[in-house]
PDB file of all heavy atoms in Angstrom:
ATOM      1  N   LEU A   1       3.153  20.816   3.391  1.00  0.00           N
ATOM      2  CA  LEU A   1       3.110  20.420   1.979  1.00  0.00           C
ATOM      3  C   LEU A   1       4.035  21.353   1.170  1.00  0.00           C
ATOM      4  O   LEU A   1       4.641  20.885   0.178  1.00  0.00           O
ATOM      5  CB  LEU A   1       1.679  20.567   1.487  1.00  0.00           C
ATOM      6  CG  LEU A   1       0.701  19.465   2.085  1.00  0.00           C
ATOM      7  CD1 LEU A   1      -0.712  19.789   1.680  1.00  0.00           C
ATOM      8  CD2 LEU A   1       1.174  18.099   1.636  1.00  0.00           C
ATOM      9  N   LEU A   2       4.165  22.584   1.557  1.00  0.00           N
ATOM     10  CA  LEU A   2       5.104  23.498   0.855  1.00  0.00           C
ATOM     11  C   LEU A   2       6.546  22.999   0.857  1.00  0.00           C
ATOM     12  O   LEU A   2       7.254  23.089  -0.079  1.00  0.00           O
ATOM     13  CB  LEU A   2       5.012  24.892   1.415  1.00  0.00           C
ATOM     14  CG  LEU A   2       3.783  25.733   1.029  1.00  0.00           C
ATOM     15  CD1 LEU A   2       3.774  27.051   1.729  1.00  0.00           C
ATOM     16  CD2 LEU A   2       3.765  26.027  -0.456  1.00  0.00           C
ATOM     17  N   LYS A   3       6.945  22.437   1.996  1.00  0.00           N
ATOM     18  CA  LYS A   3       8.257  21.935   2.195  1.00  0.00           C
ATOM     19  C   LYS A   3       8.447  20.496   1.678  1.00  0.00           C
ATOM     20  O   LYS A   3       9.625  20.171   1.235  1.00  0.00           O
ATOM     21  CB  LYS A   3       8.629  21.948   3.685  1.00  0.00           C
ATOM     22  CG  LYS A   3       8.713  23.343   4.311  1.00  0.00           C
ATOM     23  CD  LYS A   3       9.133  23.357   5.749  1.00  0.00           C
ATOM     24  CE  LYS A   3       9.307  24.677   6.327  1.00  0.00           C
ATOM     25  NZ  LYS A   3       9.736  24.683   7.748  1.00  0.00           N
ATOM     26  N   MET A   4       7.428  19.712   1.619  1.00  0.00           N
ATOM     27  CA  MET A   4       7.620  18.283   1.315  1.00  0.00           C
ATOM     28  C   MET A   4       7.138  17.915  -0.138  1.00  0.00           C
ATOM     29  O   MET A   4       7.355  16.758  -0.546  1.00  0.00           O
ATOM     30  CB  MET A   4       6.889  17.451   2.359  1.00  0.00           C
ATOM     31  CG  MET A   4       7.377  17.569   3.730  1.00  0.00           C
ATOM     32  SD  MET A   4       9.148  17.230   3.882  1.00  0.00           S
ATOM     33  CE  MET A   4       9.133  15.446   3.601  1.00  0.00           C
ATOM     34  N   ALA A   5       6.443  18.814  -0.835  1.00  0.00           N
ATOM     35  CA  ALA A   5       5.977  18.493  -2.199  1.00  0.00           C
ATOM     36  C   ALA A   5       7.133  18.026  -3.043  1.00  0.00           C
ATOM     37  O   ALA A   5       8.241  18.664  -3.032  1.00  0.00           O
ATOM     38  CB  ALA A   5       5.287  19.737  -2.761  1.00  0.00           C
ATOM     39  N   GLY A   6       6.934  16.980  -3.729  1.00  0.00           N
ATOM     40  CA  GLY A   6       8.000  16.462  -4.657  1.00  0.00           C
ATOM     41  C   GLY A   6       8.843  15.394  -4.002  1.00  0.00           C
ATOM     42  O   GLY A   6       9.596  14.714  -4.654  1.00  0.00           O
ATOM     43  N   THR A   7       8.726  15.215  -2.654  1.00  0.00           N
ATOM     44  CA  THR A   7       9.532  14.220  -1.945  1.00  0.00           C
ATOM     45  C   THR A   7       8.886  12.798  -2.183  1.00  0.00           C
ATOM     46  O   THR A   7       7.629  12.715  -2.111  1.00  0.00           O
ATOM     47  CB  THR A   7       9.559  14.577  -0.445  1.00  0.00           C
ATOM     48  OG1 THR A   7      10.084  15.836  -0.291  1.00  0.00           O
ATOM     49  CG2 THR A   7      10.430  13.537   0.286  1.00  0.00           C
ATOM     50  N   VAL A   8       9.665  11.839  -2.362  1.00  0.00           N
ATOM     51  CA  VAL A   8       9.182  10.451  -2.633  1.00  0.00           C
ATOM     52  C   VAL A   8      10.064   9.491  -1.941  1.00  0.00           C
ATOM     53  O   VAL A   8      11.323   9.544  -2.014  1.00  0.00           O
ATOM     54  CB  VAL A   8       9.159  10.141  -4.139  1.00  0.00           C
ATOM     55  CG1 VAL A   8       8.504   8.682  -4.317  1.00  0.00           C
ATOM     56  CG2 VAL A   8       8.391  11.169  -4.941  1.00  0.00           C
ATOM     57  N   ARG A   9       9.430   8.521  -1.212  1.00  0.00           N
ATOM     58  CA  ARG A   9      10.157   7.352  -0.750  1.00  0.00           C
ATOM     59  C   ARG A   9       9.687   6.187  -1.681  1.00  0.00           C
ATOM     60  O   ARG A   9       8.665   5.670  -1.474  1.00  0.00           O
ATOM     61  CB  ARG A   9       9.759   6.978   0.684  1.00  0.00           C
ATOM     62  CG  ARG A   9      10.215   7.982   1.755  1.00  0.00           C
ATOM     63  CD  ARG A   9      10.022   7.521   3.135  1.00  0.00           C
ATOM     64  NE  ARG A   9      10.405   8.512   4.188  1.00  0.00           N
ATOM     65  CZ  ARG A   9      10.437   8.310   5.463  1.00  0.00           C
ATOM     66  NH1 ARG A   9       9.936   7.164   5.936  1.00  0.00           N
ATOM     67  NH2 ARG A   9      10.869   9.229   6.317  1.00  0.00           N
ATOM     68  N   ARG A  10      10.511   5.938  -2.634  1.00  0.00           N
ATOM     69  CA  ARG A  10      10.196   4.816  -3.615  1.00  0.00           C
ATOM     70  C   ARG A  10      10.424   3.492  -2.923  1.00  0.00           C
ATOM     71  O   ARG A  10      11.408   3.262  -2.165  1.00  0.00           O
ATOM     72  CB  ARG A  10      10.942   4.932  -4.854  1.00  0.00           C
ATOM     73  CG  ARG A  10      10.471   6.057  -5.757  1.00  0.00           C
ATOM     74  CD  ARG A  10      11.171   6.010  -7.119  1.00  0.00           C
ATOM     75  NE  ARG A  10      10.590   7.048  -8.050  1.00  0.00           N
ATOM     76  CZ  ARG A  10       9.541   6.871  -8.795  1.00  0.00           C
ATOM     77  NH1 ARG A  10       8.939   5.688  -8.830  1.00  0.00           N
ATOM     78  NH2 ARG A  10       9.113   7.864  -9.557  1.00  0.00           N
ATOM     79  N   GLY A  11       9.579   2.577  -3.155  1.00  0.00           N
ATOM     80  CA  GLY A  11       9.655   1.185  -2.649  1.00  0.00           C
ATOM     81  C   GLY A  11       8.981   1.030  -1.259  1.00  0.00           C
ATOM     82  O   GLY A  11       9.213   0.088  -0.570  1.00  0.00           O
ATOM     83  N   TRP A  12       8.140   1.976  -0.908  1.00  0.00           N
ATOM     84  CA  TRP A  12       7.482   1.925   0.406  1.00  0.00           C
ATOM     85  C   TRP A  12       6.115   2.503   0.357  1.00  0.00           C
ATOM     86  O   TRP A  12       5.907   3.597  -0.260  1.00  0.00           O
ATOM     87  CB  TRP A  12       8.310   2.624   1.483  1.00  0.00           C
ATOM     88  CG  TRP A  12       7.748   2.581   2.841  1.00  0.00           C
ATOM     89  CD1 TRP A  12       7.099   3.562   3.437  1.00  0.00           C
ATOM     90  CD2 TRP A  12       7.718   1.512   3.739  1.00  0.00           C
ATOM     91  NE1 TRP A  12       6.607   3.172   4.674  1.00  0.00           N
ATOM     92  CE2 TRP A  12       7.058   1.868   4.893  1.00  0.00           C
ATOM     93  CE3 TRP A  12       8.308   0.167   3.674  1.00  0.00           C
ATOM     94  CZ2 TRP A  12       6.876   0.990   6.054  1.00  0.00           C
ATOM     95  CZ3 TRP A  12       8.101  -0.654   4.757  1.00  0.00           C
ATOM     96  CH2 TRP A  12       7.416  -0.221   5.886  1.00  0.00           C
ATOM     97  N   PHE A  13       5.151   1.896   1.095  1.00  0.00           N
ATOM     98  CA  PHE A  13       3.837   2.467   1.371  1.00  0.00           C
ATOM     99  C   PHE A  13       3.417   1.994   2.728  1.00  0.00           C
ATOM    100  O   PHE A  13       4.043   1.064   3.221  1.00  0.00           O
ATOM    101  CB  PHE A  13       2.796   2.189   0.321  1.00  0.00           C
ATOM    102  CG  PHE A  13       2.413   0.782   0.066  1.00  0.00           C
ATOM    103  CD1 PHE A  13       1.559   0.174   0.951  1.00  0.00           C
ATOM    104  CD2 PHE A  13       2.901   0.056  -0.954  1.00  0.00           C
ATOM    105  CE1 PHE A  13       1.142  -1.180   0.778  1.00  0.00           C
ATOM    106  CE2 PHE A  13       2.507  -1.295  -1.171  1.00  0.00           C
ATOM    107  CZ  PHE A  13       1.686  -1.841  -0.236  1.00  0.00           C
ATOM    108  N   HIS A  14       2.484   2.666   3.333  1.00  0.00           N
ATOM    109  CA  HIS A  14       2.062   2.270   4.685  1.00  0.00           C
ATOM    110  C   HIS A  14       0.547   1.963   4.719  1.00  0.00           C
ATOM    111  O   HIS A  14      -0.216   2.430   3.874  1.00  0.00           O
ATOM    112  CB  HIS A  14       2.416   3.389   5.722  1.00  0.00           C
ATOM    113  CG  HIS A  14       1.868   4.708   5.382  1.00  0.00           C
ATOM    114  ND1 HIS A  14       0.497   5.058   5.572  1.00  0.00           N
ATOM    115  CD2 HIS A  14       2.416   5.810   4.825  1.00  0.00           C
ATOM    116  CE1 HIS A  14       0.320   6.290   5.239  1.00  0.00           C
ATOM    117  NE2 HIS A  14       1.503   6.782   4.789  1.00  0.00           N
ATOM    118  N   GLY A  15       0.150   1.231   5.725  1.00  0.00           N
ATOM    119  CA  GLY A  15      -1.218   0.735   5.836  1.00  0.00           C
ATOM    120  C   GLY A  15      -2.230   1.715   6.305  1.00  0.00           C
ATOM    121  O   GLY A  15      -3.475   1.441   6.280  1.00  0.00           O
ATOM    122  N   VAL A  16      -1.794   2.891   6.815  1.00  0.00           N
ATOM    123  CA  VAL A  16      -2.796   3.827   7.235  1.00  0.00           C
ATOM    124  C   VAL A  16      -3.612   4.376   6.085  1.00  0.00           C
ATOM    125  O   VAL A  16      -4.758   4.547   6.149  1.00  0.00           O
ATOM    126  CB  VAL A  16      -2.098   5.051   7.977  1.00  0.00           C
ATOM    127  CG1 VAL A  16      -3.089   6.185   8.328  1.00  0.00           C
ATOM    128  CG2 VAL A  16      -1.383   4.555   9.188  1.00  0.00           C
ATOM    129  N   CYS A  17      -2.933   4.620   4.943  1.00  0.00           N
ATOM    130  CA  CYS A  17      -3.559   5.015   3.709  1.00  0.00           C
ATOM    131  C   CYS A  17      -2.727   4.634   2.570  1.00  0.00           C
ATOM    132  O   CYS A  17      -1.571   5.017   2.484  1.00  0.00           O
ATOM    133  CB  CYS A  17      -3.806   6.544   3.690  1.00  0.00           C
ATOM    134  SG  CYS A  17      -4.443   7.136   2.157  1.00  0.00           S
ATOM    135  N   PHE A  18      -3.300   3.732   1.684  1.00  0.00           N
ATOM    136  CA  PHE A  18      -2.561   3.467   0.408  1.00  0.00           C
ATOM    137  C   PHE A  18      -3.563   3.259  -0.681  1.00  0.00           C
ATOM    138  O   PHE A  18      -4.573   2.609  -0.462  1.00  0.00           O
ATOM    139  CB  PHE A  18      -1.577   2.275   0.550  1.00  0.00           C
ATOM    140  CG  PHE A  18      -2.199   0.935   0.902  1.00  0.00           C
ATOM    141  CD1 PHE A  18      -2.276  -0.059  -0.077  1.00  0.00           C
ATOM    142  CD2 PHE A  18      -2.621   0.665   2.199  1.00  0.00           C
ATOM    143  CE1 PHE A  18      -2.793  -1.334   0.196  1.00  0.00           C
ATOM    144  CE2 PHE A  18      -3.102  -0.616   2.507  1.00  0.00           C
ATOM    145  CZ  PHE A  18      -3.173  -1.591   1.523  1.00  0.00           C
ATOM    146  N   ALA A  19      -3.260   3.916  -1.808  1.00  0.00           N
ATOM    147  CA  ALA A  19      -4.092   3.850  -2.956  1.00  0.00           C
ATOM    148  C   ALA A  19      -3.551   2.880  -3.954  1.00  0.00           C
ATOM    149  O   ALA A  19      -2.332   2.910  -4.281  1.00  0.00           O
ATOM    150  CB  ALA A  19      -4.206   5.196  -3.591  1.00  0.00           C
ATOM    151  N   VAL A  20      -4.354   1.948  -4.454  1.00  0.00           N
ATOM    152  CA  VAL A  20      -3.951   0.917  -5.317  1.00  0.00           C
ATOM    153  C   VAL A  20      -4.630   1.083  -6.697  1.00  0.00           C
ATOM    154  O   VAL A  20      -5.856   1.132  -6.796  1.00  0.00           O
ATOM    155  CB  VAL A  20      -4.320  -0.477  -4.757  1.00  0.00           C
ATOM    156  CG1 VAL A  20      -3.774  -1.600  -5.690  1.00  0.00           C
ATOM    157  CG2 VAL A  20      -3.822  -0.650  -3.327  1.00  0.00           C
ATOM    158  N   HIS A  21      -3.789   1.103  -7.736  1.00  0.00           N
ATOM    159  CA  HIS A  21      -4.416   1.219  -9.096  1.00  0.00           C
ATOM    160  C   HIS A  21      -4.981  -0.103  -9.530  1.00  0.00           C
ATOM    161  O   HIS A  21      -4.548  -1.162  -9.182  1.00  0.00           O
ATOM    162  CB  HIS A  21      -3.264   1.652 -10.097  1.00  0.00           C
ATOM    163  CG  HIS A  21      -3.817   2.043 -11.449  1.00  0.00           C
ATOM    164  ND1 HIS A  21      -3.952   1.182 -12.448  1.00  0.00           N
ATOM    165  CD2 HIS A  21      -4.266   3.215 -11.896  1.00  0.00           C
ATOM    166  CE1 HIS A  21      -4.485   1.723 -13.582  1.00  0.00           C
ATOM    167  NE2 HIS A  21      -4.664   3.046 -13.177  1.00  0.00           N
ATOM    168  N   ARG A  22      -6.025   0.050 -10.252  1.00  0.00           N
ATOM    169  CA  ARG A  22      -6.800  -1.225 -10.661  1.00  0.00           C
ATOM    170  C   ARG A  22      -5.868  -2.257 -11.385  1.00  0.00           C
ATOM    171  O   ARG A  22      -6.091  -3.466 -11.160  1.00  0.00           O
ATOM    172  CB  ARG A  22      -7.842  -0.756 -11.704  1.00  0.00           C
ATOM    173  CG  ARG A  22      -8.669  -1.877 -12.324  1.00  0.00           C
ATOM    174  CD  ARG A  22      -9.498  -2.624 -11.357  1.00  0.00           C
ATOM    175  NE  ARG A  22     -10.260  -1.836 -10.524  1.00  0.00           N
ATOM    176  CZ  ARG A  22     -10.980  -2.294  -9.519  1.00  0.00           C
ATOM    177  NH1 ARG A  22     -10.910  -3.502  -9.108  1.00  0.00           N
ATOM    178  NH2 ARG A  22     -11.743  -1.424  -8.798  1.00  0.00           N
ATOM    179  N   SER A  23      -4.853  -1.764 -12.016  1.00  0.00           N
ATOM    180  CA  SER A  23      -4.002  -2.732 -12.720  1.00  0.00           C
ATOM    181  C   SER A  23      -3.221  -3.626 -11.761  1.00  0.00           C
ATOM    182  O   SER A  23      -2.823  -4.723 -12.126  1.00  0.00           O
ATOM    183  CB  SER A  23      -2.963  -1.972 -13.624  1.00  0.00           C
ATOM    184  OG  SER A  23      -2.182  -1.103 -12.911  1.00  0.00           O
ATOM    185  N   VAL A  24      -2.973  -3.126 -10.574  1.00  0.00           N
ATOM    186  CA  VAL A  24      -2.209  -3.949  -9.575  1.00  0.00           C
ATOM    187  C   VAL A  24      -3.076  -5.169  -9.109  1.00  0.00           C
ATOM    188  O   VAL A  24      -2.588  -6.292  -9.064  1.00  0.00           O
ATOM    189  CB  VAL A  24      -1.898  -3.094  -8.349  1.00  0.00           C
ATOM    190  CG1 VAL A  24      -1.175  -3.955  -7.318  1.00  0.00           C
ATOM    191  CG2 VAL A  24      -0.958  -1.930  -8.786  1.00  0.00           C
ATOM    192  N   PHE A  25      -4.361  -4.989  -8.913  1.00  0.00           N
ATOM    193  CA  PHE A  25      -5.276  -6.079  -8.591  1.00  0.00           C
ATOM    194  C   PHE A  25      -5.251  -7.145  -9.710  1.00  0.00           C
ATOM    195  O   PHE A  25      -5.263  -8.326  -9.478  1.00  0.00           O
ATOM    196  CB  PHE A  25      -6.637  -5.621  -8.337  1.00  0.00           C
ATOM    197  CG  PHE A  25      -6.806  -4.675  -7.151  1.00  0.00           C
ATOM    198  CD1 PHE A  25      -7.577  -3.527  -7.327  1.00  0.00           C
ATOM    199  CD2 PHE A  25      -6.203  -4.899  -6.038  1.00  0.00           C
ATOM    200  CE1 PHE A  25      -7.693  -2.646  -6.266  1.00  0.00           C
ATOM    201  CE2 PHE A  25      -6.363  -4.058  -4.908  1.00  0.00           C
ATOM    202  CZ  PHE A  25      -7.088  -2.910  -5.097  1.00  0.00           C
ATOM    203  N   GLU A  26      -5.192  -6.652 -10.985  1.00  0.00           N
ATOM    204  CA  GLU A  26      -5.160  -7.578 -12.119  1.00  0.00           C
ATOM    205  C   GLU A  26      -3.838  -8.320 -12.143  1.00  0.00           C
ATOM    206  O   GLU A  26      -3.796  -9.481 -12.582  1.00  0.00           O
ATOM    207  CB  GLU A  26      -5.370  -6.795 -13.398  1.00  0.00           C
ATOM    208  CG  GLU A  26      -6.737  -6.099 -13.478  1.00  0.00           C
ATOM    209  CD  GLU A  26      -6.872  -5.166 -14.701  1.00  0.00           C
ATOM    210  OE1 GLU A  26      -5.917  -4.915 -15.328  1.00  0.00           O
ATOM    211  OE2 GLU A  26      -7.977  -4.665 -14.910  1.00  0.00           O
ATOM    212  N   ALA A  27      -2.815  -7.665 -11.663  1.00  0.00           N
ATOM    213  CA  ALA A  27      -1.416  -8.311 -11.771  1.00  0.00           C
ATOM    214  C   ALA A  27      -1.141  -9.252 -10.624  1.00  0.00           C
ATOM    215  O   ALA A  27      -0.605 -10.389 -10.844  1.00  0.00           O
ATOM    216  CB  ALA A  27      -0.385  -7.256 -11.801  1.00  0.00           C
ATOM    217  N   ILE A  28      -1.471  -8.913  -9.370  1.00  0.00           N
ATOM    218  CA  ILE A  28      -1.071  -9.751  -8.212  1.00  0.00           C
ATOM    219  C   ILE A  28      -2.246 -10.115  -7.316  1.00  0.00           C
ATOM    220  O   ILE A  28      -2.061 -10.848  -6.320  1.00  0.00           O
ATOM    221  CB  ILE A  28       0.057  -9.077  -7.405  1.00  0.00           C
ATOM    222  CG1 ILE A  28      -0.508  -7.805  -6.714  1.00  0.00           C
ATOM    223  CG2 ILE A  28       1.273  -8.736  -8.255  1.00  0.00           C
ATOM    224  CD1 ILE A  28       0.467  -7.216  -5.680  1.00  0.00           C
ATOM    225  N   GLY A  29      -3.451  -9.634  -7.644  1.00  0.00           N
ATOM    226  CA  GLY A  29      -4.596 -10.018  -6.774  1.00  0.00           C
ATOM    227  C   GLY A  29      -4.816  -9.013  -5.712  1.00  0.00           C
ATOM    228  O   GLY A  29      -4.324  -7.910  -5.662  1.00  0.00           O
ATOM    229  N   PHE A  30      -5.661  -9.431  -4.757  1.00  0.00           N
ATOM    230  CA  PHE A  30      -6.164  -8.523  -3.701  1.00  0.00           C
ATOM    231  C   PHE A  30      -5.437  -8.740  -2.334  1.00  0.00           C
ATOM    232  O   PHE A  30      -4.656  -9.703  -2.231  1.00  0.00           O
ATOM    233  CB  PHE A  30      -7.661  -8.734  -3.506  1.00  0.00           C
ATOM    234  CG  PHE A  30      -8.445  -8.480  -4.764  1.00  0.00           C
ATOM    235  CD1 PHE A  30      -8.773  -9.442  -5.627  1.00  0.00           C
ATOM    236  CD2 PHE A  30      -8.824  -7.164  -5.004  1.00  0.00           C
ATOM    237  CE1 PHE A  30      -9.529  -9.150  -6.779  1.00  0.00           C
ATOM    238  CE2 PHE A  30      -9.555  -6.805  -6.157  1.00  0.00           C
ATOM    239  CZ  PHE A  30      -9.902  -7.829  -7.011  1.00  0.00           C
ATOM    240  N   PRO A  31      -5.570  -7.798  -1.405  1.00  0.00           N
ATOM    241  CA  PRO A  31      -4.922  -8.094  -0.136  1.00  0.00           C
ATOM    242  C   PRO A  31      -5.400  -9.383   0.506  1.00  0.00           C
ATOM    243  O   PRO A  31      -6.504  -9.896   0.243  1.00  0.00           O
ATOM    244  CB  PRO A  31      -5.422  -6.916   0.728  1.00  0.00           C
ATOM    245  CG  PRO A  31      -5.659  -5.852  -0.258  1.00  0.00           C
ATOM    246  CD  PRO A  31      -6.193  -6.495  -1.484  1.00  0.00           C
ATOM    247  N   ASP A  32      -4.527 -10.021   1.203  1.00  0.00           N
ATOM    248  CA  ASP A  32      -4.739 -11.296   1.852  1.00  0.00           C
ATOM    249  C   ASP A  32      -5.851 -11.161   2.937  1.00  0.00           C
ATOM    250  O   ASP A  32      -5.754 -10.213   3.724  1.00  0.00           O
ATOM    251  CB  ASP A  32      -3.484 -11.873   2.451  1.00  0.00           C
ATOM    252  CG  ASP A  32      -3.529 -13.356   2.715  1.00  0.00           C
ATOM    253  OD1 ASP A  32      -4.595 -13.864   3.167  1.00  0.00           O
ATOM    254  OD2 ASP A  32      -2.550 -14.084   2.388  1.00  0.00           O
ATOM    255  N   THR A  33      -6.759 -11.976   2.934  1.00  0.00           N
ATOM    256  CA  THR A  33      -7.890 -11.980   3.881  1.00  0.00           C
ATOM    257  C   THR A  33      -7.697 -12.895   5.097  1.00  0.00           C
ATOM    258  O   THR A  33      -8.577 -12.987   5.952  1.00  0.00           O
ATOM    259  CB  THR A  33      -9.242 -12.298   3.208  1.00  0.00           C
ATOM    260  OG1 THR A  33      -9.095 -13.674   2.737  1.00  0.00           O
ATOM    261  CG2 THR A  33      -9.497 -11.441   2.042  1.00  0.00           C
ATOM    262  N   ASP A  34      -6.526 -13.450   5.236  1.00  0.00           N
ATOM    263  CA  ASP A  34      -6.204 -14.411   6.324  1.00  0.00           C
ATOM    264  C   ASP A  34      -6.181 -13.617   7.673  1.00  0.00           C
ATOM    265  O   ASP A  34      -5.330 -12.730   7.838  1.00  0.00           O
ATOM    266  CB  ASP A  34      -4.849 -15.094   6.085  1.00  0.00           C
ATOM    267  CG  ASP A  34      -4.566 -16.266   7.039  1.00  0.00           C
ATOM    268  OD1 ASP A  34      -5.100 -16.220   8.117  1.00  0.00           O
ATOM    269  OD2 ASP A  34      -3.855 -17.169   6.628  1.00  0.00           O
ATOM    270  N   ARG A  35      -7.102 -13.922   8.621  1.00  0.00           N
ATOM    271  CA  ARG A  35      -7.120 -13.199   9.879  1.00  0.00           C
ATOM    272  C   ARG A  35      -5.897 -13.371  10.727  1.00  0.00           C
ATOM    273  O   ARG A  35      -5.621 -12.547  11.617  1.00  0.00           O
ATOM    274  CB  ARG A  35      -8.358 -13.596  10.646  1.00  0.00           C
ATOM    275  CG  ARG A  35      -9.713 -13.240  10.043  1.00  0.00           C
ATOM    276  CD  ARG A  35      -9.802 -11.740   9.857  1.00  0.00           C
ATOM    277  NE  ARG A  35      -9.559 -10.975  11.126  1.00  0.00           N
ATOM    278  CZ  ARG A  35     -10.467 -10.842  12.108  1.00  0.00           C
ATOM    279  NH1 ARG A  35     -11.619 -11.346  11.994  1.00  0.00           N
ATOM    280  NH2 ARG A  35     -10.101 -10.174  13.158  1.00  0.00           N
ATOM    281  N   ARG A  36      -5.110 -14.423  10.454  1.00  0.00           N
ATOM    282  CA  ARG A  36      -3.904 -14.619  11.310  1.00  0.00           C
ATOM    283  C   ARG A  36      -2.823 -13.560  10.958  1.00  0.00           C
ATOM    284  O   ARG A  36      -1.824 -13.484  11.692  1.00  0.00           O
ATOM    285  CB  ARG A  36      -3.352 -16.028  11.029  1.00  0.00           C
ATOM    286  CG  ARG A  36      -4.181 -17.118  11.763  1.00  0.00           C
ATOM    287  CD  ARG A  36      -3.699 -18.503  11.396  1.00  0.00           C
ATOM    288  NE  ARG A  36      -3.970 -18.818   9.983  1.00  0.00           N
ATOM    289  CZ  ARG A  36      -3.703 -19.937   9.415  1.00  0.00           C
ATOM    290  NH1 ARG A  36      -3.018 -20.854  10.107  1.00  0.00           N
ATOM    291  NH2 ARG A  36      -3.972 -20.157   8.142  1.00  0.00           N
ATOM    292  N   LEU A  37      -3.016 -12.849   9.894  1.00  0.00           N
ATOM    293  CA  LEU A  37      -2.072 -11.784   9.571  1.00  0.00           C
ATOM    294  C   LEU A  37      -2.362 -10.502  10.279  1.00  0.00           C
ATOM    295  O   LEU A  37      -1.604  -9.536  10.110  1.00  0.00           O
ATOM    296  CB  LEU A  37      -2.142 -11.498   8.049  1.00  0.00           C
ATOM    297  CG  LEU A  37      -1.600 -12.545   7.079  1.00  0.00           C
ATOM    298  CD1 LEU A  37      -1.886 -12.187   5.636  1.00  0.00           C
ATOM    299  CD2 LEU A  37      -0.121 -12.759   7.263  1.00  0.00           C
ATOM    300  N   GLY A  38      -3.378 -10.488  11.111  1.00  0.00           N
ATOM    301  CA  GLY A  38      -3.877  -9.277  11.820  1.00  0.00           C
ATOM    302  C   GLY A  38      -2.779  -8.255  12.101  1.00  0.00           C
ATOM    303  O   GLY A  38      -1.877  -8.429  12.872  1.00  0.00           O
ATOM    304  N   GLY A  39      -2.836  -7.057  11.422  1.00  0.00           N
ATOM    305  CA  GLY A  39      -1.857  -5.983  11.575  1.00  0.00           C
ATOM    306  C   GLY A  39      -0.687  -6.078  10.601  1.00  0.00           C
ATOM    307  O   GLY A  39       0.074  -5.110  10.510  1.00  0.00           O
ATOM    308  N   HIS A  40      -0.609  -7.159   9.882  1.00  0.00           N
ATOM    309  CA  HIS A  40       0.474  -7.327   8.890  1.00  0.00           C
ATOM    310  C   HIS A  40      -0.014  -7.336   7.420  1.00  0.00           C
ATOM    311  O   HIS A  40       0.804  -7.579   6.490  1.00  0.00           O
ATOM    312  CB  HIS A  40       1.291  -8.572   9.173  1.00  0.00           C
ATOM    313  CG  HIS A  40       1.920  -8.600  10.569  1.00  0.00           C
ATOM    314  ND1 HIS A  40       2.892  -7.735  10.919  1.00  0.00           N
ATOM    315  CD2 HIS A  40       1.630  -9.344  11.592  1.00  0.00           C
ATOM    316  CE1 HIS A  40       3.225  -8.041  12.192  1.00  0.00           C
ATOM    317  NE2 HIS A  40       2.517  -8.968  12.603  1.00  0.00           N
ATOM    318  N   GLU A  41      -1.306  -7.113   7.200  1.00  0.00           N
ATOM    319  CA  GLU A  41      -1.793  -7.262   5.826  1.00  0.00           C
ATOM    320  C   GLU A  41      -1.146  -6.275   4.839  1.00  0.00           C
ATOM    321  O   GLU A  41      -0.933  -6.591   3.699  1.00  0.00           O
ATOM    322  CB  GLU A  41      -3.322  -6.988   5.846  1.00  0.00           C
ATOM    323  CG  GLU A  41      -4.117  -7.997   6.629  1.00  0.00           C
ATOM    324  CD  GLU A  41      -4.325  -7.587   8.097  1.00  0.00           C
ATOM    325  OE1 GLU A  41      -3.639  -6.624   8.512  1.00  0.00           O
ATOM    326  OE2 GLU A  41      -5.297  -8.175   8.759  1.00  0.00           O
ATOM    327  N   ASP A  42      -0.903  -5.042   5.368  1.00  0.00           N
ATOM    328  CA  ASP A  42      -0.271  -4.025   4.442  1.00  0.00           C
ATOM    329  C   ASP A  42       1.119  -4.462   4.093  1.00  0.00           C
ATOM    330  O   ASP A  42       1.575  -4.343   2.891  1.00  0.00           O
ATOM    331  CB  ASP A  42      -0.287  -2.670   5.138  1.00  0.00           C
ATOM    332  CG  ASP A  42       0.420  -2.600   6.520  1.00  0.00           C
ATOM    333  OD1 ASP A  42       0.444  -3.676   7.141  1.00  0.00           O
ATOM    334  OD2 ASP A  42       0.896  -1.570   6.856  1.00  0.00           O
ATOM    335  N   MET A  43       1.918  -4.967   5.060  1.00  0.00           N
ATOM    336  CA  MET A  43       3.294  -5.386   4.712  1.00  0.00           C
ATOM    337  C   MET A  43       3.327  -6.577   3.795  1.00  0.00           C
ATOM    338  O   MET A  43       4.164  -6.688   2.858  1.00  0.00           O
ATOM    339  CB  MET A  43       4.043  -5.703   6.023  1.00  0.00           C
ATOM    340  CG  MET A  43       5.497  -6.100   5.810  1.00  0.00           C
ATOM    341  SD  MET A  43       6.488  -4.691   5.165  1.00  0.00           S
ATOM    342  CE  MET A  43       6.439  -3.591   6.570  1.00  0.00           C
TER     343      MET A  43
END
């Protein structure tokens, strides 16, 4: 953390852990619940 603090990859997040602000759900809805996406829901 001492070395990486302040580093940002804009335009990318990953499915292991991602935090979504409430306003995003209001804007585009919730993650897709379609089981055929298995493993691709985050993308």
